[in-house]
N, C-alpha and C. Protein backbone atom coordinates (compact mmCIF):
# COMPACT_ATOMS: atom_id res chain seq x y z
N MET A 1 1.19 -1.03 0.03
CA MET A 1 -0.21 0.00 0.05
C MET A 1 0.97 1.33 0.00
N LYS A 2 0.42 2.19 -0.67
CA LYS A 2 1.46 3.61 -0.77
C LYS A 2 1.15 4.61 0.26
N SER A 3 2.06 4.63 0.29
CA SER A 3 1.88 5.68 1.83
C SER A 3 0.96 7.08 1.88
N VAL A 4 0.63 7.76 2.21
CA VAL A 4 -0.17 8.75 1.75
C VAL A 4 0.43 9.68 2.37
N LEU A 5 1.71 9.55 2.73
CA LEU A 5 2.47 10.72 3.37
C LEU A 5 3.47 11.37 2.35
N PRO A 6 3.40 12.66 1.90
CA PRO A 6 4.75 12.99 1.17
C PRO A 6 5.85 12.63 1.81
N SER A 7 6.96 12.43 -0.02
CA SER A 7 8.44 12.20 0.73
C SER A 7 9.27 13.33 1.62
N LYS A 8 8.05 14.58 1.68
CA LYS A 8 9.53 15.83 2.56
C LYS A 8 8.53 16.20 3.09
N LEU A 9 8.29 16.73 4.39
CA LEU A 9 7.64 17.58 4.64
C LEU A 9 8.12 18.89 5.08
N PRO A 10 7.57 19.93 5.10
CA PRO A 10 8.29 21.57 5.50
C PRO A 10 8.85 21.02 6.94
N GLU A 11 9.48 21.56 7.13
CA GLU A 11 10.72 21.50 8.53
C GLU A 11 9.61 22.06 9.94
N GLU A 12 8.91 23.26 9.39
CA GLU A 12 7.93 24.26 10.22
C GLU A 12 6.87 23.12 10.24
N TRP A 13 6.40 22.39 9.39
CA TRP A 13 5.33 21.84 10.00
C TRP A 13 5.99 20.90 10.95
N LEU A 14 6.79 19.82 10.64
CA LEU A 14 7.42 18.94 11.54
C LEU A 14 7.58 19.72 12.69
N ILE A 15 8.13 20.97 13.54
CA ILE A 15 8.69 21.20 14.30
C ILE A 15 7.22 21.46 15.03
N GLN A 16 5.67 21.91 14.34
CA GLN A 16 4.73 22.44 14.83
C GLN A 16 3.85 20.87 15.32
N ILE A 17 4.21 19.74 14.71
CA ILE A 17 3.36 18.57 15.04
C ILE A 17 4.12 17.96 16.44
N ARG A 18 5.36 18.13 16.24
CA ARG A 18 6.10 17.47 17.43
C ARG A 18 5.41 17.95 18.57
N ASP A 19 6.18 19.64 18.44
CA ASP A 19 5.43 20.40 19.63
C ASP A 19 4.52 19.84 20.58
N ALA A 20 3.19 19.82 19.26
CA ALA A 20 1.43 19.33 19.58
C ALA A 20 1.23 18.31 20.13
N SER A 21 2.22 17.40 19.23
CA SER A 21 1.93 16.00 20.06
C SER A 21 2.56 15.71 21.52
N LYS A 22 3.28 16.58 22.11
CA LYS A 22 2.83 16.90 23.53
C LYS A 22 2.36 17.23 24.13
N SER A 23 1.29 17.68 23.51
CA SER A 23 0.25 18.57 24.28
C SER A 23 -0.97 17.99 23.99
N ASP A 24 -2.30 18.77 24.28
CA ASP A 24 -3.45 17.99 24.47
C ASP A 24 -4.33 17.53 22.94
N THR A 25 -4.92 16.59 22.65
CA THR A 25 -5.64 16.46 21.70
C THR A 25 -6.17 17.88 20.81
N LYS A 26 -6.93 18.50 21.12
CA LYS A 26 -7.33 19.97 20.52
C LYS A 26 -6.20 20.66 20.08
N THR A 27 -5.23 20.43 20.35
CA THR A 27 -3.82 21.53 20.24
C THR A 27 -3.36 20.95 19.00
N LEU A 28 -3.37 19.17 19.18
CA LEU A 28 -2.87 18.78 17.80
C LEU A 28 -3.57 18.89 16.81
N TRP A 29 -4.63 18.68 16.61
CA TRP A 29 -6.17 19.07 15.99
C TRP A 29 -5.89 20.40 14.94
N ILE A 30 -5.84 21.35 15.84
CA ILE A 30 -5.38 23.01 15.25
C ILE A 30 -4.46 23.14 14.45
N THR A 31 -2.96 22.37 15.01
CA THR A 31 -2.19 22.65 14.43
C THR A 31 -1.80 21.83 13.04
N LEU A 32 -2.70 20.56 13.28
CA LEU A 32 -2.39 19.84 11.62
C LEU A 32 -3.49 20.33 10.62
N LEU A 33 -5.06 21.00 11.27
CA LEU A 33 -5.72 21.66 10.07
C LEU A 33 -4.77 22.84 9.65
N GLY A 34 -4.31 23.91 10.58
CA GLY A 34 -3.87 24.46 10.08
C GLY A 34 -2.30 24.77 8.76
N THR A 35 -2.10 23.45 8.69
CA THR A 35 -1.25 23.07 7.34
C THR A 35 -1.66 22.89 6.19
N GLY A 36 -2.88 22.59 6.14
CA GLY A 36 -3.71 22.82 5.00
C GLY A 36 -3.60 21.39 4.05
N LEU A 37 -3.31 20.20 5.14
CA LEU A 37 -2.64 19.08 4.41
C LEU A 37 -3.85 18.12 4.10
N GLY A 38 -3.96 17.26 3.54
CA GLY A 38 -5.13 16.73 3.09
C GLY A 38 -5.71 15.84 4.20
N SER A 39 -6.96 15.39 4.44
CA SER A 39 -7.43 14.29 5.45
C SER A 39 -6.74 13.01 5.68
N ALA A 40 -6.04 12.69 4.44
CA ALA A 40 -5.82 11.56 4.91
C ALA A 40 -4.19 11.61 5.06
N VAL A 41 -3.60 12.62 4.99
CA VAL A 41 -2.32 12.53 5.41
C VAL A 41 -2.25 13.30 6.86
N ILE A 42 -3.15 14.17 7.06
CA ILE A 42 -3.68 14.33 8.54
C ILE A 42 -4.13 13.35 9.54
N ALA A 43 -4.60 12.35 9.04
CA ALA A 43 -4.96 10.86 9.53
C ALA A 43 -3.57 10.07 9.94
N ALA A 44 -2.79 10.31 8.80
CA ALA A 44 -1.73 9.46 9.00
C ALA A 44 -0.76 9.88 9.81
N LEU A 45 -0.10 11.36 10.44
CA LEU A 45 0.42 12.23 11.05
C LEU A 45 -0.21 12.21 12.29
N ILE A 46 -1.50 11.94 12.81
CA ILE A 46 -1.69 11.74 14.00
C ILE A 46 -1.65 10.43 14.47
N SER A 47 -1.81 9.67 13.61
CA SER A 47 -1.18 8.02 14.21
C SER A 47 0.30 8.26 14.22
N LEU A 48 1.21 8.94 13.58
CA LEU A 48 2.26 8.80 13.83
C LEU A 48 2.91 9.36 15.56
N ALA A 49 2.05 10.70 15.18
CA ALA A 49 2.02 11.49 16.66
C ALA A 49 1.90 11.04 17.96
N VAL A 50 0.63 10.01 17.90
CA VAL A 50 -0.08 8.83 19.02
C VAL A 50 0.87 7.84 19.14
N ALA A 51 1.93 7.59 18.12
CA ALA A 51 2.83 6.46 18.24
C ALA A 51 4.15 6.89 19.21
N HIS A 52 4.23 8.16 18.70
CA HIS A 52 5.27 8.74 19.07
C HIS A 52 5.27 9.26 21.10
N PHE A 53 3.88 9.62 21.04
CA PHE A 53 3.49 9.81 22.46
C PHE A 53 3.50 8.66 23.47
N ASN A 54 3.04 7.68 22.70
CA ASN A 54 2.76 6.03 23.70
C ASN A 54 4.78 5.92 23.79
N ALA A 55 5.34 6.04 22.74
CA ALA A 55 6.45 5.47 22.91
C ALA A 55 7.33 6.01 23.77
N GLN A 56 7.03 7.48 24.02
CA GLN A 56 7.59 8.53 24.61
C GLN A 56 7.27 8.33 26.36
N GLN A 57 5.77 8.15 26.58
CA GLN A 57 5.70 7.68 28.05
C GLN A 57 5.82 6.23 28.22
N ALA A 58 5.84 4.94 27.48
CA ALA A 58 6.49 4.06 27.96
C ALA A 58 7.86 4.04 28.57
N SER A 59 8.99 4.80 27.72
CA SER A 59 10.11 5.50 28.04
C SER A 59 10.15 5.75 28.96
N ASN A 60 9.58 6.82 29.36
CA ASN A 60 9.42 7.42 30.76
C ASN A 60 9.12 6.14 31.68
N LEU A 61 8.12 5.85 31.76
CA LEU A 61 7.59 4.71 32.62
C LEU A 61 8.73 3.73 32.93
N GLU A 62 9.43 3.11 32.00
CA GLU A 62 10.70 2.52 32.57
C GLU A 62 12.19 3.46 33.05
N THR A 63 12.13 4.15 32.66
CA THR A 63 12.94 4.78 33.26
C THR A 63 13.35 5.53 34.84
N GLU A 64 11.10 5.50 34.95
CA GLU A 64 10.67 5.64 36.59
C GLU A 64 11.12 4.64 37.50
N LYS A 65 10.78 3.37 36.43
CA LYS A 65 10.98 2.34 37.50
C LYS A 65 12.35 1.86 37.92
N ALA A 66 12.92 2.22 36.73
CA ALA A 66 14.68 2.08 37.18
C ALA A 66 15.19 2.77 37.88
N ARG A 67 14.43 4.12 38.35
CA ARG A 67 14.72 4.86 38.98
C ARG A 67 14.38 4.47 40.73
N ILE A 68 13.43 3.95 40.37
CA ILE A 68 12.70 3.70 42.00
C ILE A 68 13.34 2.37 42.21
N GLU A 69 13.77 1.29 41.50
CA GLU A 69 14.87 0.42 41.93
C GLU A 69 15.80 0.53 42.73
N ILE A 70 16.79 1.61 42.07
CA ILE A 70 18.28 2.58 42.73
C ILE A 70 17.56 2.72 43.81
N LYS A 71 16.88 3.54 43.47
CA LYS A 71 16.84 4.20 45.46
C LYS A 71 16.29 2.92 46.11
N LYS A 72 15.45 1.99 45.97
CA LYS A 72 15.32 1.25 46.64
C LYS A 72 16.14 -0.11 47.39
N GLU A 73 17.35 0.05 46.12
CA GLU A 73 18.54 -1.08 46.95
C GLU A 73 19.55 0.41 47.22
N ARG A 74 19.39 1.67 47.47
CA ARG A 74 20.47 2.43 48.33
C ARG A 74 19.88 2.42 49.50
N LEU A 75 18.13 2.54 49.80
CA LEU A 75 17.87 2.43 51.02
C LEU A 75 18.00 1.27 51.48
N GLN A 76 17.96 -0.14 51.02
CA GLN A 76 18.04 -1.05 51.76
C GLN A 76 19.58 -1.29 52.19
N GLY A 77 20.13 -0.60 51.47
CA GLY A 77 21.91 -0.84 51.85
C GLY A 77 22.35 -0.28 53.17
N ARG A 78 21.61 1.51 53.20
CA ARG A 78 21.62 2.11 54.30
C ARG A 78 21.11 1.42 55.33
N GLN A 79 20.01 1.22 55.30
CA GLN A 79 19.04 0.47 56.37
C GLN A 79 19.58 -0.82 56.57
N LYS A 80 20.27 -1.41 56.42
CA LYS A 80 20.98 -3.10 56.61
C LYS A 80 21.59 -3.21 58.08
N PRO A 81 22.27 -2.12 58.20
CA PRO A 81 23.03 -1.96 59.74
C PRO A 81 22.54 -1.72 60.93
N PHE A 82 21.33 -0.95 60.55
CA PHE A 82 20.21 -0.82 61.52
C PHE A 82 19.10 -2.10 62.03
N GLU A 83 19.22 -2.95 60.58
CA GLU A 83 18.19 -3.86 60.97
C GLU A 83 18.81 -5.18 61.38
N LYS A 84 20.15 -5.22 61.19
CA LYS A 84 21.04 -6.36 61.68
C LYS A 84 20.93 -6.00 63.35
N LEU A 85 21.39 -4.67 63.70
CA LEU A 85 21.25 -4.45 64.97
C LEU A 85 20.08 -4.41 65.92
N ALA A 86 19.15 -4.20 65.47
CA ALA A 86 17.63 -4.06 65.82
C ALA A 86 17.52 -5.68 66.19
N GLU A 87 17.52 -6.51 65.26
CA GLU A 87 17.47 -7.89 65.28
C GLU A 87 17.90 -8.40 66.37
N SER A 88 19.35 -8.49 66.35
CA SER A 88 19.95 -8.49 67.68
C SER A 88 19.38 -8.21 69.18
N LEU A 89 19.26 -6.90 68.91
CA LEU A 89 18.44 -6.33 70.55
C LEU A 89 17.24 -6.97 70.96
N ARG A 90 16.37 -7.39 69.44
CA ARG A 90 15.30 -8.11 70.06
C ARG A 90 15.62 -9.63 70.72
N ARG A 91 16.63 -10.14 70.14
CA ARG A 91 17.12 -11.62 70.21
C ARG A 91 17.77 -11.32 72.08
N LEU A 92 18.07 -10.07 71.97
CA LEU A 92 19.00 -10.13 73.49
C LEU A 92 17.57 -9.84 74.42
N HIS A 93 16.58 -9.10 73.88
CA HIS A 93 15.65 -8.95 75.15
C HIS A 93 14.96 -10.10 75.68
N ASN A 94 14.65 -10.93 74.67
CA ASN A 94 14.12 -12.34 74.92
C ASN A 94 14.77 -13.14 75.69
N GLU A 95 16.40 -13.26 75.53
CA GLU A 95 17.51 -14.10 76.01
C GLU A 95 17.09 -13.21 77.67
N LEU A 96 17.37 -12.05 77.89
CA LEU A 96 17.46 -11.43 79.08
C LEU A 96 15.96 -11.45 79.73
N GLY A 97 15.08 -11.72 79.12
CA GLY A 97 13.68 -11.97 79.44
C GLY A 97 13.42 -13.78 80.48
N ASP A 98 13.70 -14.59 79.45
CA ASP A 98 14.37 -16.00 79.71
C ASP A 98 15.05 -16.31 80.97
N ALA A 99 16.38 -15.08 81.21
CA ALA A 99 17.32 -15.59 82.07
C ALA A 99 16.76 -15.06 83.41
N ALA A 100 15.81 -13.64 83.54
CA ALA A 100 15.17 -13.20 84.79
C ALA A 100 14.23 -13.91 84.98
N ALA A 101 13.48 -14.60 84.32
CA ALA A 101 12.45 -15.37 84.54
C ALA A 101 13.28 -16.79 85.42
N THR A 102 13.96 -17.32 84.88
CA THR A 102 14.92 -18.57 85.85
C THR A 102 15.52 -18.08 86.43
N LEU A 103 16.08 -16.97 86.81
CA LEU A 103 17.22 -16.81 87.84
C LEU A 103 16.19 -16.34 88.88
N ALA A 104 14.93 -16.30 88.85
CA ALA A 104 13.80 -15.77 89.75
C ALA A 104 13.84 -17.01 90.83
N VAL A 105 13.71 -18.21 89.93
CA VAL A 105 13.15 -19.16 91.01
C VAL A 105 14.60 -20.21 91.17
N ALA A 106 15.35 -19.57 90.77
CA ALA A 106 16.77 -20.32 90.83
C ALA A 106 17.18 -20.29 92.24
N THR A 107 17.67 -21.23 92.95
CA THR A 107 18.32 -21.61 94.26
C THR A 107 19.30 -22.54 94.49
N PRO A 108 20.30 -22.55 95.16
CA PRO A 108 21.73 -23.13 95.88
C PRO A 108 21.25 -24.65 95.64
N GLU A 109 19.53 -25.00 96.47
CA GLU A 109 19.43 -26.23 96.06
C GLU A 109 18.50 -26.85 95.14
N LYS A 110 18.42 -26.01 94.30
CA LYS A 110 17.62 -26.50 93.15
C LYS A 110 18.91 -26.76 91.88
N THR A 111 19.32 -27.32 91.77
CA THR A 111 20.82 -27.45 91.21
C THR A 111 20.05 -27.56 89.58
N GLU A 112 19.23 -28.16 89.39
CA GLU A 112 18.66 -28.50 87.77
C GLU A 112 18.29 -26.88 87.49
N ILE A 113 17.51 -26.21 88.22
CA ILE A 113 17.35 -25.13 87.91
C ILE A 113 18.48 -24.06 87.67
N GLY A 114 19.60 -24.60 88.60
CA GLY A 114 20.42 -23.40 88.64
C GLY A 114 21.29 -24.27 87.41
N GLY A 115 21.27 -24.93 86.63
CA GLY A 115 21.99 -25.32 85.48
C GLY A 115 21.21 -24.24 84.05
N TYR A 116 20.10 -24.09 84.27
CA TYR A 116 19.49 -23.98 83.53
C TYR A 116 19.33 -22.42 83.15
N ALA A 117 19.78 -21.84 84.70
CA ALA A 117 19.94 -20.28 84.93
C ALA A 117 21.46 -19.75 84.21
N GLN A 118 22.57 -20.68 84.41
CA GLN A 118 23.55 -20.60 83.52
C GLN A 118 23.31 -20.44 82.37
N GLN A 119 22.91 -21.53 81.78
CA GLN A 119 22.81 -21.65 80.36
C GLN A 119 21.96 -20.37 79.58
N SER A 120 21.27 -20.00 80.24
CA SER A 120 20.35 -18.44 79.88
C SER A 120 21.62 -17.49 80.07
N LEU A 121 22.05 -17.11 81.07
CA LEU A 121 23.20 -16.86 80.97
C LEU A 121 24.24 -16.39 80.02
N ALA A 122 24.57 -17.83 79.66
CA ALA A 122 25.56 -17.70 78.92
C ALA A 122 25.28 -17.37 77.03
N LYS A 123 23.54 -17.44 77.36
CA LYS A 123 23.32 -17.05 75.61
C LYS A 123 23.23 -15.80 75.49
N VAL A 124 22.97 -14.95 76.87
CA VAL A 124 23.03 -13.47 76.93
C VAL A 124 23.85 -13.08 76.19
N GLU A 125 25.04 -13.68 76.98
CA GLU A 125 26.67 -13.47 76.61
C GLU A 125 26.95 -13.35 75.48
N THR A 126 26.61 -14.45 75.07
CA THR A 126 26.98 -14.80 73.12
C THR A 126 25.99 -13.68 72.18
N VAL A 127 24.74 -12.99 72.51
CA VAL A 127 24.22 -12.04 71.91
C VAL A 127 24.92 -11.03 72.06
N MET A 128 25.39 -10.70 73.13
CA MET A 128 26.01 -9.02 73.82
C MET A 128 27.01 -9.12 73.01
N GLU A 129 28.27 -10.27 72.64
CA GLU A 129 29.34 -10.25 72.07
C GLU A 129 28.90 -9.83 70.40
N GLU A 130 27.62 -10.28 69.75
CA GLU A 130 27.32 -9.96 68.56
C GLU A 130 27.12 -8.16 68.63
N ILE A 131 26.23 -8.01 69.53
CA ILE A 131 26.12 -6.68 69.47
C ILE A 131 27.14 -5.27 69.56
N PHE A 132 28.01 -6.08 70.55
CA PHE A 132 29.02 -5.06 70.71
C PHE A 132 29.76 -5.11 69.42
N GLU A 133 29.96 -6.07 68.63
CA GLU A 133 30.69 -5.97 67.01
C GLU A 133 29.64 -4.66 65.92
N GLU A 134 28.00 -5.36 65.91
CA GLU A 134 27.57 -4.46 65.21
C GLU A 134 27.57 -3.25 65.65
N ASN A 135 27.19 -2.66 66.82
CA ASN A 135 27.54 -1.34 67.10
C ASN A 135 28.48 -0.49 66.76
N ARG A 136 29.70 -1.08 66.43
CA ARG A 136 30.79 -0.45 66.00
C ARG A 136 30.68 0.31 64.38
N ASP A 137 29.48 -0.05 64.06
CA ASP A 137 29.72 0.31 62.65
C ASP A 137 28.81 1.59 63.09
N ASP A 138 29.78 2.48 61.80
CA ASP A 138 29.67 3.85 61.59
C ASP A 138 28.59 4.99 61.10
N ARG A 139 27.85 3.67 60.34
CA ARG A 139 26.66 3.89 59.68
C ARG A 139 25.70 3.76 60.29
N ILE A 140 25.55 4.00 61.52
CA ILE A 140 24.37 3.79 62.29
C ILE A 140 24.68 5.15 63.19
N ASP A 141 23.57 5.87 63.75
CA ASP A 141 23.41 7.21 63.80
C ASP A 141 24.09 6.92 65.21
N GLN A 142 25.09 8.39 65.41
CA GLN A 142 25.48 8.27 66.86
C GLN A 142 24.82 8.01 68.05
N ASP A 143 23.59 8.74 68.26
CA ASP A 143 23.08 8.86 69.59
C ASP A 143 22.44 7.13 69.61
N ILE A 144 22.12 6.77 69.09
CA ILE A 144 21.40 4.97 68.97
C ILE A 144 23.14 4.35 69.54
N ARG A 145 23.97 4.33 68.80
CA ARG A 145 24.92 3.78 69.28
C ARG A 145 25.57 4.14 70.66
N LYS A 146 25.71 5.18 71.29
CA LYS A 146 25.57 5.78 72.57
C LYS A 146 24.92 4.83 73.92
N ARG A 147 23.50 4.74 73.25
CA ARG A 147 22.56 4.35 73.66
C ARG A 147 22.91 3.11 74.00
N VAL A 148 23.31 2.43 72.71
CA VAL A 148 23.52 0.87 73.21
C VAL A 148 24.72 0.32 73.88
N ARG A 149 25.81 1.58 74.05
CA ARG A 149 26.94 1.44 74.71
C ARG A 149 26.70 1.32 75.77
N GLU A 150 25.94 2.48 76.49
CA GLU A 150 25.37 2.59 77.92
C GLU A 150 24.47 1.78 78.24
N MET A 151 23.81 0.94 77.41
CA MET A 151 22.74 -0.45 78.13
C MET A 151 24.27 -1.23 78.38
N ALA A 152 25.08 -1.22 77.63
CA ALA A 152 25.83 -2.86 77.86
C ALA A 152 26.65 -2.78 78.96
N ASN A 153 26.82 -1.08 79.09
CA ASN A 153 27.84 -0.48 80.57
C ASN A 153 26.94 -1.37 81.54
N SER A 154 25.59 -0.88 81.37
CA SER A 154 24.67 -1.20 82.70
C SER A 154 24.59 -3.07 83.06
N LEU A 155 24.61 -3.31 81.71
CA LEU A 155 24.17 -5.14 81.82
C LEU A 155 25.46 -6.06 82.73
N ASP A 156 26.78 -5.30 82.06
CA ASP A 156 28.00 -6.07 81.71
C ASP A 156 28.26 -6.37 83.39
N PRO A 157 28.75 -5.68 84.48
CA PRO A 157 28.67 -5.98 85.60
C PRO A 157 27.58 -6.89 86.20
N ALA A 158 26.32 -6.81 86.43
CA ALA A 158 25.17 -7.60 86.68
C ALA A 158 25.29 -8.86 85.98
N LEU A 159 25.62 -8.97 84.80
CA LEU A 159 25.89 -10.14 84.36
C LEU A 159 27.18 -11.52 84.91
N LYS A 160 28.05 -10.59 84.80
CA LYS A 160 28.94 -11.32 85.36
C LYS A 160 28.90 -11.68 86.65
N ALA A 161 28.82 -10.83 87.94
CA ALA A 161 28.34 -11.16 88.67
C ALA A 161 27.51 -12.46 88.96
N ALA A 162 26.33 -12.39 87.99
CA ALA A 162 25.22 -13.54 88.08
C ALA A 162 26.14 -14.75 87.68
N LYS A 163 26.85 -14.90 86.99
CA LYS A 163 27.87 -16.19 86.22
C LYS A 163 28.39 -16.51 86.98
N SER A 164 28.71 -15.80 88.03
CA SER A 164 30.23 -16.12 89.17
C SER A 164 29.48 -16.68 90.20
N ASN A 165 28.53 -16.13 90.51
CA ASN A 165 27.79 -16.55 91.99
C ASN A 165 26.16 -16.47 92.04
N PRO A 166 25.10 -17.34 92.39
CA PRO A 166 24.02 -17.32 92.34
C PRO A 166 23.43 -16.20 93.36
N LYS A 167 24.32 -15.52 93.91
CA LYS A 167 23.87 -14.12 94.61
C LYS A 167 23.79 -13.57 93.86
N GLY A 168 24.52 -13.06 92.99
CA GLY A 168 24.08 -12.42 91.83
C GLY A 168 23.02 -11.54 91.45
N TYR A 169 22.04 -13.50 91.25
CA TYR A 169 20.35 -13.58 90.38
C TYR A 169 19.69 -12.42 91.14
N PRO A 170 19.71 -12.14 92.21
CA PRO A 170 18.62 -11.24 91.90
C PRO A 170 18.77 -9.69 91.73
N ALA A 171 19.74 -9.67 92.03
CA ALA A 171 20.43 -7.94 91.11
C ALA A 171 20.06 -8.18 89.78
N PHE A 172 20.14 -9.06 88.79
CA PHE A 172 20.34 -9.36 87.56
C PHE A 172 18.69 -9.35 87.10
N THR A 173 18.46 -9.80 87.72
CA THR A 173 16.77 -9.52 87.66
C THR A 173 15.70 -8.55 87.87
N GLU A 174 16.33 -7.83 88.86
CA GLU A 174 15.88 -6.83 89.23
C GLU A 174 16.43 -5.67 88.34
N LEU A 175 17.56 -5.79 87.60
CA LEU A 175 17.79 -4.63 86.87
C LEU A 175 16.90 -4.81 85.35
N TYR A 176 16.81 -6.39 84.68
CA TYR A 176 16.19 -6.28 83.97
C TYR A 176 14.75 -5.56 83.92
N LYS A 177 14.03 -5.95 85.01
CA LYS A 177 12.74 -5.30 85.73
C LYS A 177 12.59 -4.37 85.41
N THR A 178 13.31 -3.23 85.73
CA THR A 178 13.62 -1.66 86.24
C THR A 178 14.32 -0.97 85.38
N HIS A 179 15.32 -1.96 84.81
CA HIS A 179 15.75 -0.93 83.52
C HIS A 179 16.22 -1.14 82.36
N LEU A 180 16.60 -2.43 81.86
CA LEU A 180 16.53 -2.76 81.02
C LEU A 180 15.70 -3.34 79.95
N ASN A 181 14.68 -3.80 80.46
CA ASN A 181 13.17 -3.84 79.72
C ASN A 181 12.91 -2.80 78.92
N GLN A 182 12.94 -1.45 79.95
CA GLN A 182 12.14 -0.36 79.19
C GLN A 182 13.71 0.07 78.04
N GLU A 183 14.32 0.07 78.39
CA GLU A 183 16.04 0.71 77.75
C GLU A 183 16.24 -0.27 76.37
N LEU A 184 15.64 -1.37 76.50
CA LEU A 184 15.72 -2.54 74.98
C LEU A 184 14.70 -1.56 74.28
N ASN A 185 13.35 -1.78 74.58
CA ASN A 185 12.18 -0.80 74.05
C ASN A 185 12.55 0.51 73.32
N GLU A 186 13.37 1.01 74.11
CA GLU A 186 13.67 2.56 73.79
C GLU A 186 14.42 2.33 72.79
N ILE A 187 15.70 1.53 72.61
CA ILE A 187 16.77 1.82 71.70
C ILE A 187 16.18 1.28 70.36
N ASN A 188 15.24 0.09 70.32
CA ASN A 188 14.53 -0.39 69.30
C ASN A 188 13.25 0.60 68.43
N ARG A 189 12.71 1.55 69.30
CA ARG A 189 12.27 2.53 68.88
C ARG A 189 13.12 4.04 67.98
N MET A 190 14.12 4.00 68.70
CA MET A 190 15.24 5.24 68.14
C MET A 190 15.70 4.69 66.39
N ILE A 191 15.64 2.92 66.65
CA ILE A 191 16.60 2.52 65.23
C ILE A 191 14.97 2.98 64.29
N GLU A 192 13.46 2.26 64.61
CA GLU A 192 12.72 2.44 64.07
C GLU A 192 12.63 3.87 63.27
N GLU A 193 12.56 4.68 64.32
CA GLU A 193 12.76 5.91 63.90
C GLU A 193 13.72 6.44 62.63
N ALA A 194 14.68 5.65 63.18
CA ALA A 194 16.35 5.97 61.74
C ALA A 194 15.87 5.63 60.29
N MET A 195 15.09 4.51 60.84
CA MET A 195 15.01 4.05 59.40
C MET A 195 13.42 4.74 58.75
N ASN A 196 12.78 4.73 59.44
CA ASN A 196 11.41 5.94 58.63
C ASN A 196 12.27 6.95 57.97
N ARG A 197 13.04 7.40 58.93
CA ARG A 197 13.38 8.35 58.38
C ARG A 197 14.06 8.71 56.79
N MET A 198 15.14 7.92 56.76
CA MET A 198 15.63 7.82 56.03
C MET A 198 14.74 7.07 54.34
N THR A 199 13.86 6.51 54.71
CA THR A 199 12.63 6.14 53.64
C THR A 199 12.01 7.28 53.27
N VAL A 200 12.13 8.10 54.24
CA VAL A 200 10.82 9.30 53.77
C VAL A 200 12.14 10.18 52.94
N TRP A 201 13.34 10.42 53.29
CA TRP A 201 14.32 10.86 52.55
C TRP A 201 14.45 10.68 51.02
N GLU A 202 14.62 9.05 50.81
CA GLU A 202 14.37 8.18 49.54
C GLU A 202 13.31 8.62 48.97
N LEU A 203 11.89 8.79 49.54
CA LEU A 203 10.79 9.34 48.74
C LEU A 203 11.07 10.53 48.24
N ARG A 204 11.37 11.22 49.08
CA ARG A 204 11.08 12.86 48.62
C ARG A 204 12.35 13.28 47.73
N ALA A 205 13.69 12.87 47.85
CA ALA A 205 14.89 12.99 47.07
C ALA A 205 14.22 12.82 45.41
N LYS A 206 14.44 14.06 44.52
CA LYS A 206 14.41 13.70 43.23
C LYS A 206 15.64 12.78 42.63
N LYS A 207 17.14 13.29 43.13
CA LYS A 207 18.25 13.16 42.48
C LYS A 207 19.16 12.78 43.96
N PRO A 208 19.03 11.96 44.52
CA PRO A 208 19.87 11.65 45.79
C PRO A 208 21.20 11.29 45.56
N PRO A 209 22.49 12.08 46.42
CA PRO A 209 23.30 11.51 45.99
C PRO A 209 23.88 10.26 46.19
N PHE A 210 25.05 9.91 45.35
CA PHE A 210 25.52 8.35 45.33
C PHE A 210 25.92 8.09 47.14
N THR A 211 25.78 6.87 47.77
CA THR A 211 26.29 6.36 48.62
C THR A 211 27.18 5.13 48.55
């Protein structure tokens, strides 16, 4: 089928049609009618304009998808050390609760429970070692790292005392009830807020800097 389009259109018409195709349908019709072309040629040009517009929209969509994926990967990378620390703190919270409950009923006469108590304390110590390492990551906010260090400094002497002598059990249990329980909740709240701030920043930033 022979094309209804002329072999060469005036440059001025091409510019007008190109600009109008980026606007609304009414503008495109006015532009084409003003060129004095026949209806068949106008129809063909409209088809080309629509195809061009659709291709441009598809290209923009793919670009936006790629941009979102980049932002998502960057956000996950920034949040990873926070998530890792938060998970370890939750494990510590659980282990401390279990240890405090076991130590509360342990006595020198109940050797079996005493064995469980020492196992619980050993688990607390293991998780604390992991937290020490994770808290060294300088990508984590300084106020969070400081709060974790303060929590660890309050726990360490009570943990050592309880491991070395059952007489230290009551002090350990009391520390968990009056301080550590609330403190761990607060630290995890701080971590969650920091991660939320990162998410909001990424969503708002049009061209975030490379990290």
